[in-house]
Every structure is written in structure tokens, then in C-alpha cells.
């Protein structure tokens, strides 16, 4: 089965055929860096991380671009989000940008999200945005009004094709204040004149000002991926107006198709309610990571199809944690058993079962990156792995290493829910796993010497720091709580 992607632009699953054989150019709208990253960001970027990982798993060469919006993202009032934050905190706008950009990457690194190949900033690409704006003016798709430049939506007969919105359905003033200088209420800003108090400002042919929000993605995607590229990703909340405006201005300026496949992640709620600062229910990624391991958060986010909405709650995360612990328990058991397994073949070949799991995994992932079914494939494999390892029969090292390799490749490299090394808290894994093993060996020596008080003390002290020991016929294994 070849890879199929649900293309939002066509509202159907389509065979994925890259523009250039063996290569994929992909652009995903990045964050606006004016506050801490929240679990909505986690959902979007974990899912696209999974997409990129799987594309590379299939042998495709992926060029992944994800921007940083550090200027031009306006509130409904027309006020720049970053400038507003700077005024509230009495900081310089670029202080805000640097603080929250570093925070965003720290959060993504903690979640195991592989960084994009290129992470362009809007403020570093002002010339490209000015050039595209001038092109739109020259081609009759934009006009200057008192130092600002607006895209004339009536000049694009296809405007609204991604969101399926008709011109008569569009609301005036989305994302920016309605001004009388606009020809039509639906027209959107490509360049905004800077009022005297506006700190973020650049010279342009139309006077000092700053770019609109939408033009940055069009300009930067073109610079790094070309006029037409393979996949454009983002959150469903931005389908209108942001993605719609990207398409209009890019295709009118370049006169070719913009992105060939559009993938949008579903929304996220908290306990059934949309996240809102006014409601006080925003969950920042840093807070979530204090309660749950990054692998558990990833498993929760991937347990629903990327295009579906999810509801974040303690109950849902606890359920994801229980499922992850069952999965990871088999991984720990396998890795522990490798240490004492015989080198010779044991006659208990598990290779056919592993081949079946790999084929099923690839099949469901080829069906529009169906991560929930991919997790189910690993869970089904885990039941058989547990049966094998708990059967009492000797299992050869080659079989155990093959099992571990499948978990590492599919659960680790693709889904990012299986850490490469065992650790008590997910950091400094090899060192901590080694220290735990030393304590297990000391405990085993105490038991052999019938020093049960010392054996119990080591077990209890490990339990206090969240490490549970399990004594088995084939040795002692441990897990982090």
C-alpha cells in the first residue's frame, strides 16, 4: 500500500506523490512567541513530528521548515501580540521573542520533538515579504491605502477554497481591526503602517510599518521550499483566515499552486472546554511535564488521529500512562532479559511475529499516518512478547535483540514513545539505569548472603525515589513509577 494523505484542500484521501522522487518539502506554521507554550502546541507539533519521523522511516528525504512568528500576528483590536506583551511587562519586544522562543524549543526538546531543518523568523525576512507584497500590487491583487497595503480578495476567484467559505459568508475584521481605508471588509493586510507608538517598524516603499501575519509564511515557504512544495501543515484553528490568506497571496503572486497537500491537526480542549486565559484553564507544557513523562504525553496526543480533536484531562492522561506502562514494561523486560540470555539459537523463533507487526505498522501508518492504530499494533505485539517472556522457556539473545529493535524502531524512532535507554525520570538515562543496576546487584548479593534486612532496605530506598523492583525467576527487573 502506498502512502495516502487526507488532503484538506480536496477533502479526500489521496495517494502521496512528491514533486521530486525520494524527497519531501514540508512547511508547518510555527508558534507566535509571546507566551509560554501550551498543550495545544504540544498536540500540533508532536503530530507533525510523527509525520516527519515516519516519512524518514520510509526512506524519504524530508526538508522540514517551521517558522517562528515574532512580528505581525495581530489581535482582533489590530494590536501586535508581541508588542502588547512587551508593554505589559515593560520589556523590549525582542526580549519577549528571545525568552519565549528559547522556552518553546526547551519544551519541544523535552517532548522529544525533532527540530525542524530550518526555523526562519518573520522579522529576519522583511525584504522577502516586501518583495512579495510589491509583486501583488504590480499584478493588481493588492493596493496601498494611507501607508498600509491590503490584498483585494475580490481579485482571487478561488479565495476560500481551503475552508470552503464563500465571500458572502466571510466576516469583516477577522484578526484585525476593520478600517475605512479598506476597499472591502474581507481584505487583509500585507503591510501595516506603524503608528508613532509602534516600536516594531521597518522602512518600506509605502512608509515605515510592519508586515501582516499571513505574508510571512508565503514569503519564507517560497524562499526555502520553492513556489510549489509538497506538504503544508498547521492547526485547524488557523484554516481561516491564516491558511486561506497564504494560499491566495502565494498563488496570485507566483501564478502556480502553493502547497499540494494540506494537513491540519484537530483542536484541543481541557476537560471539555476550550483553553482560554480568561477561564484560567490553560495548561502549559512545563506544567504538564511536571505531572507526566514526555512519552506519556506523546502517547496521549498520538492516541487520537492527528486530524481529530482531543480532550485533555487528568483521567485521560492517567489512562495514557497506564497504557504506556504496559507497553514499556515489555520493553524493560526484554532489555533486562538480554543481559542473561543464551547466545545460541533457542529454537523459539519470534521473527515471523515481528515481521507481521512491522508490516501492520507500516500499513496503518500509510493510511494517513494513523498513529492510534500503530500504537494498537505495538500493544498487540506486547501481549505476545509478555506471553513469550513469561512462558518459562529460554529465549535466545538474538530473539530478544530483534524484539528490542522493533520497539526501538517503531515505538522509538517513529512514534517517540519508547526511550532508547531506561531511566527513572527520563533524563541522563544511561547513567541512572547503570546506577539502578548497581543497586540491584548489591541487593542480589545481600540476598545470597541471607542479609535480608539490607536487601529490603535497598528495595525500600529505591521505592522512595519511584523505582519499583520485580523479582522474577530469570532475574530482577525495575521500572520507574
Protein backbone atom coordinates (compact mmCIF):
# COMPACT_ATOMS: atom_id res chain seq x y z
CA UNK A 1 0.00 0.00 0.00
CA UNK A 2 1.34 3.42 -0.94
CA UNK A 3 1.11 6.34 1.45
CA UNK A 4 -2.23 8.12 1.40
CA UNK A 5 -2.85 11.55 2.93
CA UNK A 6 -6.19 13.19 3.62
CA UNK A 7 -5.78 16.42 1.68
CA UNK A 8 -7.93 19.09 3.31
CA UNK A 9 -7.82 21.03 0.03
CA UNK A 10 -9.59 18.24 -1.82
CA UNK A 11 -11.50 16.80 1.16
CA UNK A 12 -10.34 13.28 0.34
CA UNK A 13 -7.54 10.79 0.86
CA UNK A 14 -5.09 10.98 -1.99
CA UNK A 15 -2.02 8.98 -2.98
CA UNK A 16 1.05 10.90 -1.90
CA UNK A 17 3.33 11.65 -4.81
CA UNK A 18 6.19 14.05 -4.01
CA UNK A 19 7.11 16.65 -6.58
CA UNK A 20 10.62 15.24 -6.64
CA UNK A 21 11.06 11.48 -6.30
CA UNK A 22 12.52 10.49 -2.95
CA UNK A 23 12.27 13.98 -1.46
CA UNK A 24 9.59 15.81 0.53
CA UNK A 25 9.42 19.56 1.12
CA UNK A 26 7.23 20.34 4.12
CA UNK A 27 6.20 23.57 5.84
CA UNK A 28 4.39 23.79 9.18
CA UNK A 29 3.17 27.04 10.73
CA UNK A 30 5.17 27.64 13.90
CA UNK A 31 4.26 29.42 17.14
CA UNK A 32 3.83 33.10 17.85
CA UNK A 33 6.37 33.60 20.64
CA UNK A 34 4.67 35.90 23.14
CA UNK A 35 3.82 33.44 25.95
CA UNK A 36 4.66 30.01 27.29
CA UNK A 37 3.93 27.06 25.02
CA UNK A 38 0.81 25.14 25.98
CA UNK A 39 -0.53 21.66 25.36
CA UNK A 40 -2.30 22.83 22.21
CA UNK A 41 1.15 23.46 20.76
CA UNK A 42 2.19 20.03 22.03
CA UNK A 43 -0.64 18.37 20.09
CA UNK A 44 0.20 20.09 16.83
CA UNK A 45 3.96 19.66 16.89
CA UNK A 46 4.01 16.12 18.31
CA UNK A 47 1.73 15.05 15.46
CA UNK A 48 3.82 16.70 12.76
CA UNK A 49 6.94 15.31 14.41
CA UNK A 50 5.37 11.88 13.99
CA UNK A 51 4.67 12.64 10.31
CA UNK A 52 8.25 13.72 9.63
CA UNK A 53 9.66 10.75 11.52
CA UNK A 54 7.53 8.30 9.54
CA UNK A 55 8.35 9.87 6.18
CA UNK A 56 12.05 9.49 7.00
CA UNK A 57 11.40 5.95 8.25
CA UNK A 58 10.12 5.06 4.76
CA UNK A 59 13.36 6.30 3.24
CA UNK A 60 12.19 9.71 2.04
CA UNK A 61 14.49 12.71 2.39
CA UNK A 62 12.50 15.42 4.19
CA UNK A 63 13.28 19.13 4.24
CA UNK A 64 11.21 20.40 7.17
CA UNK A 65 10.63 24.13 7.63
CA UNK A 66 8.79 25.55 10.65
CA UNK A 67 8.70 29.29 11.16
CA UNK A 68 8.81 31.45 14.25
CA UNK A 69 6.30 34.33 14.23
CA UNK A 70 7.94 37.22 16.04
CA UNK A 71 6.07 40.12 14.45
CA UNK A 72 2.78 40.83 12.73
CA UNK A 73 0.37 38.42 14.48
CA UNK A 74 -2.41 40.81 15.41
CA UNK A 75 -5.17 40.68 17.97
CA UNK A 76 -8.74 41.43 16.90
CA UNK A 77 -8.07 45.01 18.01
CA UNK A 78 -5.24 45.33 15.49
CA UNK A 79 -2.59 45.30 18.22
CA UNK A 80 0.55 43.18 17.73
CA UNK A 81 0.59 40.32 20.26
CA UNK A 82 4.31 40.60 20.98
CA UNK A 83 4.23 44.37 21.31
CA UNK A 84 1.32 44.10 23.73
CA UNK A 85 3.22 41.58 25.86
CA UNK A 86 6.28 43.84 25.84
CA UNK A 87 4.22 46.79 27.04
CA UNK A 88 2.59 44.71 29.78
CA UNK A 89 5.96 43.52 31.09
CA UNK A 90 7.92 46.70 30.36
CA UNK A 91 10.35 44.73 28.22
CA UNK A 92 11.69 45.21 24.72
CA UNK A 93 9.81 43.25 22.05
CA UNK A 94 12.88 41.21 21.12
CA UNK A 95 13.39 40.34 24.79
CA UNK A 96 9.93 38.80 24.71
CA UNK A 97 10.74 36.99 21.48
CA UNK A 98 14.02 35.54 22.73
CA UNK A 99 12.58 34.47 26.08
CA UNK A 100 9.62 32.60 24.66
CA UNK A 101 11.49 31.20 21.65
CA UNK A 102 14.01 29.58 23.97
CA UNK A 103 11.14 28.33 26.11
CA UNK A 104 9.37 26.84 23.10
CA UNK A 105 12.43 24.90 21.99
CA UNK A 106 13.11 23.70 25.54
CA UNK A 107 9.54 22.38 25.72
CA UNK A 108 9.76 20.70 22.31
CA UNK A 109 13.13 19.14 23.19
CA UNK A 110 11.64 17.80 26.42
CA UNK A 111 8.78 16.23 24.45
CA UNK A 112 11.19 14.58 22.05
CA UNK A 113 10.07 16.71 19.09
CA UNK A 114 12.84 16.69 16.50
CA UNK A 115 13.77 20.22 15.50
CA UNK A 116 12.94 21.45 12.02
CA UNK A 117 15.73 21.64 9.46
CA UNK A 118 15.11 25.37 9.03
CA UNK A 119 13.36 27.65 11.55
CA UNK A 120 13.08 31.07 9.89
CA UNK A 121 11.88 34.12 11.80
CA UNK A 122 9.42 36.57 10.31
CA UNK A 123 11.47 39.58 11.46
CA UNK A 124 14.54 38.26 9.59
CA UNK A 125 12.67 38.05 6.29
CA UNK A 126 11.20 41.53 5.90
CA UNK A 127 12.80 42.08 2.44
CA UNK A 128 11.18 38.91 1.09
CA UNK A 129 7.80 39.96 2.45
CA UNK A 130 8.12 43.46 0.98
CA UNK A 131 9.09 41.97 -2.40
CA UNK A 132 6.07 39.65 -2.49
CA UNK A 133 3.78 42.49 -1.44
CA UNK A 134 5.11 44.68 -4.26
CA UNK A 135 4.55 41.81 -6.72
CA UNK A 136 0.91 41.58 -5.63
CA UNK A 137 0.50 45.33 -6.11
CA UNK A 138 2.06 45.17 -9.57
CA UNK A 139 -0.27 42.32 -10.57
CA UNK A 140 -3.38 44.14 -9.40
CA UNK A 141 -4.11 41.93 -6.39
CA UNK A 142 -3.19 44.49 -3.71
CA UNK A 143 -3.50 48.21 -3.15
CA UNK A 144 -1.91 50.90 -0.99
CA UNK A 145 -4.10 52.80 1.45
CA UNK A 146 -2.53 55.50 3.61
CA UNK A 147 0.75 53.65 4.15
CA UNK A 148 -0.80 50.20 4.54
CA UNK A 149 -1.15 47.55 1.83
CA UNK A 150 -4.15 45.24 1.56
CA UNK A 151 -4.86 42.17 -0.50
CA UNK A 152 -8.02 42.61 -2.58
CA UNK A 153 -9.87 39.32 -2.08
CA UNK A 154 -12.24 40.05 -4.98
CA UNK A 155 -9.33 39.60 -7.41
CA UNK A 156 -8.92 35.94 -6.44
CA UNK A 157 -11.83 33.85 -7.67
CA UNK A 158 -10.59 30.87 -5.63
CA UNK A 159 -10.38 32.69 -2.30
CA UNK A 160 -11.96 30.49 0.36
CA UNK A 161 -11.25 27.16 -1.36
CA UNK A 162 -9.44 25.61 1.62
CA UNK A 163 -12.05 26.47 4.24
CA UNK A 164 -14.99 26.29 1.77
CA UNK A 165 -16.13 29.76 2.77
CA UNK A 166 -17.98 31.89 0.27
CA UNK A 167 -17.28 35.60 0.06
CA UNK A 168 -20.75 36.39 1.41
CA UNK A 169 -20.04 34.26 4.49
CA UNK A 170 -16.80 35.96 5.46
CA UNK A 171 -16.84 38.20 8.48
CA UNK A 172 -15.31 41.62 8.40
CA UNK A 173 -12.35 42.30 10.61
CA UNK A 174 -11.13 38.79 11.37
CA UNK A 175 -7.75 39.07 13.17
CA UNK A 176 -7.50 42.82 12.63
CA UNK A 177 -9.50 45.96 13.17
CA UNK A 178 -11.76 46.98 10.27
CA UNK A 179 -10.58 50.23 8.71
CA UNK A 180 -12.45 52.51 6.38
CA UNK A 181 -9.36 52.61 4.16
CA UNK A 182 -10.03 49.02 3.05
CA UNK A 183 -11.97 48.57 -0.17
CA UNK A 184 -13.77 45.51 1.16
CA UNK A 185 -14.20 44.41 4.78
CA UNK A 186 -12.72 40.99 3.93
CA UNK A 187 -9.47 42.39 2.53
CA UNK A 188 -6.47 41.51 4.68
CA UNK A 189 -3.25 43.35 5.45
CA UNK A 190 0.00 42.56 3.71
CA UNK A 191 1.75 45.56 5.27
CA UNK A 192 0.56 47.83 8.08
CA UNK A 193 1.70 51.39 8.61
CA UNK A 194 3.28 51.91 12.00
CA UNK A 195 1.61 54.37 14.32
CA UNK A 196 4.00 56.68 16.22
CA UNK A 197 3.91 54.50 19.34
CA UNK A 198 4.57 51.26 17.43
CA UNK A 199 8.10 50.01 18.23
CA UNK A 200 8.30 47.20 15.67
CA UNK A 201 8.78 49.09 12.38
CA UNK A 202 10.76 48.82 9.16
CA UNK A 203 11.26 51.02 6.10
CA UNK A 204 9.26 50.08 3.02
CA UNK A 205 8.21 51.65 -0.30
CA UNK A 206 4.97 52.65 1.44
CA UNK A 207 6.49 54.18 4.53
CA UNK A 208 7.52 52.80 7.92
CA UNK A 209 5.49 49.84 9.02
CA UNK A 210 5.48 46.11 9.67
CA UNK A 211 4.25 43.01 7.79
CA UNK A 212 0.87 41.40 8.23
CA UNK A 213 0.70 37.98 9.80
CA UNK A 214 -0.09 35.91 6.70
CA UNK A 215 2.57 37.19 4.30
CA UNK A 216 5.45 35.83 6.37
CA UNK A 217 4.61 32.17 5.71
CA UNK A 218 4.17 32.72 1.99
CA UNK A 219 7.48 34.55 1.69
CA UNK A 220 9.51 32.14 3.81
CA UNK A 221 7.99 29.00 2.29
CA UNK A 222 8.90 30.29 -1.16
CA UNK A 223 12.45 31.16 -0.10
CA UNK A 224 13.26 27.75 1.36
CA UNK A 225 10.92 25.32 -0.42
CA UNK A 226 10.12 26.99 -3.73
CA UNK A 227 6.93 28.38 -5.23
CA UNK A 228 5.25 24.96 -5.02
CA UNK A 229 6.04 22.35 -2.37
CA UNK A 230 4.63 19.08 -1.10
CA UNK A 231 3.02 19.37 2.36
CA UNK A 232 1.72 22.32 4.36
CA UNK A 233 0.75 21.63 7.96
CA UNK A 234 -0.85 23.56 10.79
CA UNK A 235 -3.69 23.60 13.26
CA UNK A 236 -7.31 23.55 12.16
CA UNK A 237 -7.93 26.78 14.10
CA UNK A 238 -5.78 28.63 11.56
CA UNK A 239 -7.50 27.34 8.44
CA UNK A 240 -9.26 30.72 8.26
CA UNK A 241 -8.03 33.28 7.83
CA UNK A 242 -4.32 32.42 8.00
CA UNK A 243 -4.02 29.38 5.71
CA UNK A 244 -6.63 30.74 3.34
CA UNK A 245 -4.73 34.01 3.02
CA UNK A 246 -1.43 32.17 2.49
CA UNK A 247 -2.90 30.36 -0.49
CA UNK A 248 -4.45 33.48 -2.02
CA UNK A 249 -1.39 35.71 -1.83
CA UNK A 250 1.07 32.96 -2.84
CA UNK A 251 -0.87 31.71 -5.85
CA UNK A 252 -1.71 35.23 -7.04
CA UNK A 253 1.92 36.33 -6.70
CA UNK A 254 3.56 33.21 -8.15
CA UNK A 255 0.77 32.09 -10.51
CA UNK A 256 1.35 28.44 -9.59
CA UNK A 257 -0.04 26.05 -6.99
CA UNK A 258 1.18 26.82 -3.45
CA UNK A 259 1.09 23.59 -1.38
CA UNK A 260 -0.10 20.32 -2.91
CA UNK A 261 -1.23 18.55 0.29
CA UNK A 262 -2.77 20.32 3.28
CA UNK A 263 -2.72 18.56 6.65
CA UNK A 264 -4.44 20.15 9.66
CA UNK A 265 -4.41 18.90 13.23
CA UNK A 266 -7.62 18.83 15.27
CA UNK A 267 -8.34 21.15 18.16
CA UNK A 268 -7.67 20.53 21.85
CA UNK A 269 -9.92 21.18 24.84
CA UNK A 270 -9.33 20.87 28.59
CA UNK A 271 -11.99 18.95 30.47
CA UNK A 272 -14.34 19.57 27.56
CA UNK A 273 -13.77 23.35 27.44
CA UNK A 274 -11.66 25.35 25.01
CA UNK A 275 -8.48 26.68 26.58
CA UNK A 276 -8.70 30.35 27.50
CA UNK A 277 -6.67 32.62 29.74
CA UNK A 278 -9.90 34.25 30.87
CA UNK A 279 -11.15 30.85 32.09
CA UNK A 280 -7.84 30.04 33.71
CA UNK A 281 -7.69 26.58 32.13
CA UNK A 282 -4.55 26.98 30.01
CA UNK A 283 -2.15 24.10 30.67
CA UNK A 284 1.43 24.97 29.83
CA UNK A 285 3.75 22.23 28.59
CA UNK A 286 6.13 22.77 31.52
CA UNK A 287 3.27 22.14 33.95
CA UNK A 288 2.17 19.01 32.10
CA UNK A 289 5.73 17.67 32.17
CA UNK A 290 5.82 18.01 35.95
CA UNK A 291 2.91 15.56 36.18
CA UNK A 292 3.62 13.16 33.32
CA UNK A 293 6.56 11.74 31.45
CA UNK A 294 7.09 13.16 27.96
CA UNK A 295 6.46 9.71 26.46
CA UNK A 296 3.07 9.58 28.20
CA UNK A 297 2.11 12.99 26.83
CA UNK A 298 3.19 11.89 23.35
CA UNK A 299 1.21 8.66 23.66
CA UNK A 300 -1.87 10.61 24.71
CA UNK A 301 -1.56 13.03 21.78
CA UNK A 302 -0.97 10.20 19.29
CA UNK A 303 -3.80 8.05 20.64
CA UNK A 304 -6.21 10.13 18.56
CA UNK A 305 -5.79 10.62 14.82
CA UNK A 306 -3.90 13.84 14.14
CA UNK A 307 -6.93 15.39 12.44
CA UNK A 308 -9.31 14.64 15.32
CA UNK A 309 -9.97 16.80 18.38
CA UNK A 310 -8.76 15.62 21.78
CA UNK A 311 -9.80 16.47 25.33
CA UNK A 312 -7.00 16.87 27.85
CA UNK A 313 -7.89 15.74 31.37
CA UNK A 314 -6.22 14.02 34.30
CA UNK A 315 -8.31 10.92 33.65
CA UNK A 316 -7.29 10.77 30.00
CA UNK A 317 -3.61 11.24 30.84
CA UNK A 318 -3.79 8.63 33.60
CA UNK A 319 -5.25 6.22 31.06
CA UNK A 320 -2.45 7.01 28.61
CA UNK A 321 0.08 6.45 31.38
CA UNK A 322 -1.36 3.03 32.21
CA UNK A 323 -1.22 2.03 28.55
CA UNK A 324 2.31 3.33 28.19
CA UNK A 325 3.47 1.46 31.31
CA UNK A 326 2.12 -1.82 29.93
CA UNK A 327 3.95 -1.18 26.68
CA UNK A 328 7.17 -0.05 28.29
CA UNK A 329 7.03 -2.86 30.82
CA UNK A 330 7.54 -5.35 27.99
CA UNK A 331 10.43 -3.26 26.67
CA UNK A 332 12.12 -3.23 30.08
CA UNK A 333 11.56 -6.97 30.46
CA UNK A 334 13.09 -7.59 27.05
CA UNK A 335 16.12 -5.39 27.70
CA UNK A 336 16.68 -6.92 31.11
CA UNK A 337 16.44 -10.46 29.74
CA UNK A 338 19.08 -9.72 27.08
CA UNK A 339 21.75 -9.47 29.78
CA UNK A 340 21.36 -13.10 30.86
CA UNK A 341 20.09 -14.72 27.66
CA UNK A 342 22.00 -17.57 25.99
CA UNK A 343 23.85 -16.66 22.80
CA UNK A 344 22.81 -19.79 20.95
CA UNK A 345 19.60 -20.02 18.97
CA UNK A 346 16.74 -21.20 21.18
CA UNK A 347 14.53 -22.67 18.51
CA UNK A 348 11.72 -20.37 19.61
CA UNK A 349 11.70 -18.12 16.56
CA UNK A 350 9.72 -14.94 17.05
CA UNK A 351 10.80 -13.39 13.80
CA UNK A 352 7.58 -14.12 11.92
CA UNK A 353 5.58 -12.35 14.62
CA UNK A 354 7.91 -9.36 14.47
CA UNK A 355 7.67 -9.22 10.68
CA UNK A 356 3.89 -9.27 10.97
CA UNK A 357 3.97 -6.38 13.45
CA UNK A 358 6.24 -4.31 11.20
CA UNK A 359 4.05 -4.91 8.16
CA UNK A 360 0.88 -4.00 10.08
CA UNK A 361 2.54 -0.89 11.49
CA UNK A 362 3.60 0.36 8.06
CA UNK A 363 0.16 -0.44 6.63
CA UNK A 364 -1.77 1.65 9.15
CA UNK A 365 0.75 4.49 9.03
CA UNK A 366 0.48 4.52 5.24
CA UNK A 367 -3.23 5.17 5.76
CA UNK A 368 -2.95 8.90 6.53
CA UNK A 369 -0.48 8.44 9.42
CA UNK A 370 -2.90 6.50 11.62
CA UNK A 371 -0.86 6.63 14.83
CA UNK A 372 -3.68 5.27 17.07
CA UNK A 373 -3.74 2.04 15.07
CA UNK A 374 0.05 1.97 15.04
CA UNK A 375 0.03 2.10 18.84
CA UNK A 376 -2.54 -0.71 18.83
CA UNK A 377 -0.18 -2.80 16.71
CA UNK A 378 2.54 -2.35 19.34
CA UNK A 379 0.09 -3.17 22.13
CA UNK A 380 -0.91 -6.41 20.40
CA UNK A 381 2.75 -7.28 19.93
CA UNK A 382 3.33 -6.57 23.61
CA UNK A 383 0.80 -9.20 24.65
CA UNK A 384 2.68 -11.80 22.63
CA UNK A 385 6.05 -10.61 23.93
CA UNK A 386 4.85 -10.92 27.52
CA UNK A 387 3.50 -14.39 26.81
CA UNK A 388 6.84 -15.43 25.36
CA UNK A 389 8.96 -13.97 28.15
CA UNK A 390 6.72 -15.27 30.93
CA UNK A 391 6.44 -18.78 29.47
CA UNK A 392 9.46 -20.03 31.39
CA UNK A 393 11.16 -21.18 28.20
CA UNK A 394 14.66 -19.95 27.45
CA UNK A 395 14.68 -17.16 24.87
CA UNK A 396 17.87 -16.60 22.88
CA UNK A 397 19.70 -13.28 22.81
CA UNK A 398 19.15 -12.86 19.06
CA UNK A 399 15.37 -13.10 19.52
CA UNK A 400 15.40 -10.62 22.39
CA UNK A 401 17.55 -8.20 20.43
CA UNK A 402 15.18 -8.47 17.47
CA UNK A 403 12.22 -7.68 19.73
CA UNK A 404 14.07 -4.72 21.24
CA UNK A 405 14.96 -3.47 17.75
CA UNK A 406 11.30 -3.42 16.69
CA UNK A 407 10.32 -1.46 19.79
CA UNK A 408 13.20 0.96 19.22
CA UNK A 409 12.42 1.47 15.53
CA UNK A 410 8.62 1.67 15.59
CA UNK A 411 7.88 2.88 19.09
CA UNK A 412 11.05 4.93 19.46
CA UNK A 413 12.26 6.31 16.15
CA UNK A 414 8.81 6.77 14.59
CA UNK A 415 6.34 7.41 17.41
CA UNK A 416 8.79 8.66 20.01
CA UNK A 417 7.07 6.86 22.89
CA UNK A 418 9.83 4.36 23.70
CA UNK A 419 13.03 5.88 25.14
CA UNK A 420 16.25 4.44 23.83
CA UNK A 421 17.55 3.76 27.36
CA UNK A 422 15.83 3.01 30.66
CA UNK A 423 15.74 5.77 33.24
CA UNK A 424 13.92 6.59 36.44
CA UNK A 425 12.87 10.07 35.39
CA UNK A 426 13.59 10.31 31.68
CA UNK A 427 16.88 12.26 31.92
CA UNK A 428 20.52 11.15 31.98
CA UNK A 429 19.15 7.72 31.15
CA UNK A 430 22.26 5.57 30.75
CA UNK A 431 23.85 6.89 33.91
CA UNK A 432 20.74 6.39 36.04
CA UNK A 433 19.97 2.98 34.58
CA UNK A 434 23.51 1.96 35.40
CA UNK A 435 23.22 3.19 38.98
CA UNK A 436 19.94 1.33 39.48
CA UNK A 437 21.54 -1.83 38.14
CA UNK A 438 24.44 -1.47 40.58
CA UNK A 439 21.95 -1.27 43.45
CA UNK A 440 20.11 -4.32 42.12
CA UNK A 441 23.40 -6.24 42.03
CA UNK A 442 24.21 -5.19 45.62
CA UNK A 443 20.74 -6.28 46.69
CA UNK A 444 21.18 -9.65 45.00
CA UNK A 445 24.49 -10.12 46.81
CA UNK A 446 22.77 -9.31 50.10
CA UNK A 447 20.06 -11.86 49.38
CA UNK A 448 22.61 -14.55 48.56
CA UNK A 449 24.31 -13.79 51.88
CA UNK A 450 20.89 -14.01 53.56
CA UNK A 451 21.24 -10.39 54.66
CA UNK A 452 17.55 -9.77 54.11
CA UNK A 453 17.48 -6.58 56.15
CA UNK A 454 19.97 -4.97 53.76
CA UNK A 455 18.11 -6.41 50.76
CA UNK A 456 14.83 -4.93 51.97
CA UNK A 457 16.48 -1.60 52.74
CA UNK A 458 17.79 -1.24 49.18
CA UNK A 459 14.37 -2.17 47.76
CA UNK A 460 12.60 0.32 50.04
CA UNK A 461 15.03 3.16 49.34
CA UNK A 462 14.60 2.67 45.61
CA UNK A 463 10.82 2.68 46.06
CA UNK A 464 11.05 6.06 47.80
CA UNK A 465 12.53 7.61 44.65
CA UNK A 466 10.00 5.96 42.36
CA UNK A 467 11.84 2.81 41.29
CA UNK A 468 9.97 -0.47 41.75
CA UNK A 469 11.81 -3.79 41.69
CA UNK A 470 10.24 -7.01 40.45
CA UNK A 471 11.90 -10.31 41.31
CA UNK A 472 11.43 -12.95 38.63
CA UNK A 473 12.73 -16.45 38.04
CA UNK A 474 15.10 -15.07 35.40
CA UNK A 475 16.32 -12.13 37.48
CA UNK A 476 15.26 -8.79 38.90
CA UNK A 477 13.88 -6.04 36.68
CA UNK A 478 12.91 -2.48 37.58
CA UNK A 479 10.54 0.19 36.42
CA UNK A 480 10.02 3.86 37.12
CA UNK A 481 6.72 4.87 38.70
